[in-house]
Amino acid sequence: MAKCELCKSAIAENFLGKLFGTVIKDAKGKKHGICSECQRKFKKEEILSKL
């Protein structure tokens, strides 16, 4: 189970290991997992500024 980079809650995965949420790349190209709840609360620019 992966953890959300913003709220630190666990992100569920399907049977293939894909996240129920999204993965966002920052300016350096590093990938960050974001849960669907945080994705609903914040826009992409806000998420990137909080990382």
C-alpha atoms as a PDB file:
ATOM      1  CA  MET A   1       0.000   0.000   0.000  1.00  0.00           C
ATOM      2  CA  ALA A   2       1.282   3.399  -0.988  1.00  0.00           C
ATOM      3  CA  LYS A   3       0.726   6.525   1.078  1.00  0.00           C
ATOM      4  CA  CYS A   4      -0.603   9.902  -0.024  1.00  0.00           C
ATOM      5  CA  GLU A   5       2.133  12.559  -0.070  1.00  0.00           C
ATOM      6  CA  LEU A   6      -0.224  15.221   1.342  1.00  0.00           C
ATOM      7  CA  CYS A   7      -2.367  13.584   4.029  1.00  0.00           C
ATOM      8  CA  LYS A   8      -0.226  10.454   4.651  1.00  0.00           C
ATOM      9  CA  SER A   9      -3.257   8.146   4.450  1.00  0.00           C
ATOM     10  CA  ALA A  10      -2.993   4.796   2.681  1.00  0.00           C
ATOM     11  CA  ILE A  11      -3.935   4.652  -0.988  1.00  0.00           C
ATOM     12  CA  ALA A  12      -5.675   1.455  -2.067  1.00  0.00           C
ATOM     13  CA  GLU A  13      -4.399  -0.507  -5.049  1.00  0.00           C
ATOM     14  CA  ASN A  14      -6.231  -2.738  -7.496  1.00  0.00           C
ATOM     15  CA  PHE A  15      -5.166  -6.324  -8.181  1.00  0.00           C
ATOM     16  CA  LEU A  16      -2.621  -5.172 -10.791  1.00  0.00           C
ATOM     17  CA  GLY A  17      -0.914  -2.845  -8.316  1.00  0.00           C
ATOM     18  CA  LYS A  18      -2.241   0.417  -9.788  1.00  0.00           C
ATOM     19  CA  LEU A  19      -3.248   3.178  -7.378  1.00  0.00           C
ATOM     20  CA  PHE A  20      -6.822   4.323  -6.797  1.00  0.00           C
ATOM     21  CA  GLY A  21      -5.761   7.950  -7.061  1.00  0.00           C
ATOM     22  CA  THR A  22      -3.263   9.739  -9.231  1.00  0.00           C
ATOM     23  CA  VAL A  23       0.462  10.161  -9.669  1.00  0.00           C
ATOM     24  CA  ILE A  24       1.779  13.696 -10.183  1.00  0.00           C
ATOM     25  CA  LYS A  25       5.282  14.618 -11.348  1.00  0.00           C
ATOM     26  CA  ASP A  26       7.001  17.642  -9.841  1.00  0.00           C
ATOM     27  CA  ALA A  27       9.388  19.985 -11.678  1.00  0.00           C
ATOM     28  CA  LYS A  28      12.330  17.619 -11.126  1.00  0.00           C
ATOM     29  CA  GLY A  29      10.400  14.643 -12.564  1.00  0.00           C
ATOM     30  CA  LYS A  30       9.867  12.831  -9.245  1.00  0.00           C
ATOM     31  CA  LYS A  31       6.534  11.008  -8.996  1.00  0.00           C
ATOM     32  CA  HIS A  32       4.204  11.584  -6.021  1.00  0.00           C
ATOM     33  CA  GLY A  33       1.111   9.521  -5.199  1.00  0.00           C
ATOM     34  CA  ILE A  34      -2.000  11.530  -4.322  1.00  0.00           C
ATOM     35  CA  CYS A  35      -5.201   9.986  -2.950  1.00  0.00           C
ATOM     36  CA  SER A  36      -8.528  10.693  -4.611  1.00  0.00           C
ATOM     37  CA  GLU A  37      -9.769  12.711  -1.603  1.00  0.00           C
ATOM     38  CA  CYS A  38      -6.852  15.154  -1.776  1.00  0.00           C
ATOM     39  CA  GLN A  39      -7.243  15.264  -5.542  1.00  0.00           C
ATOM     40  CA  ARG A  40     -10.856  16.450  -5.061  1.00  0.00           C
ATOM     41  CA  LYS A  41      -9.898  19.035  -2.416  1.00  0.00           C
ATOM     42  CA  PHE A  42      -6.961  20.682  -4.180  1.00  0.00           C
ATOM     43  CA  LYS A  43      -6.114  21.776  -7.713  1.00  0.00           C
ATOM     44  CA  LYS A  44      -2.910  20.584  -9.382  1.00  0.00           C
ATOM     45  CA  GLU A  45      -1.063  23.860  -8.718  1.00  0.00           C
ATOM     46  CA  GLU A  46      -1.967  23.712  -5.010  1.00  0.00           C
ATOM     47  CA  ILE A  47      -0.809  20.104  -4.762  1.00  0.00           C
ATOM     48  CA  LEU A  48       2.540  20.888  -6.366  1.00  0.00           C
ATOM     49  CA  SER A  49       3.101  23.849  -4.058  1.00  0.00           C
ATOM     50  CA  LYS A  50       2.443  21.668  -0.959  1.00  0.00           C
ATOM     51  CA  LEU A  51       4.964  18.988  -1.969  1.00  0.00           C
END
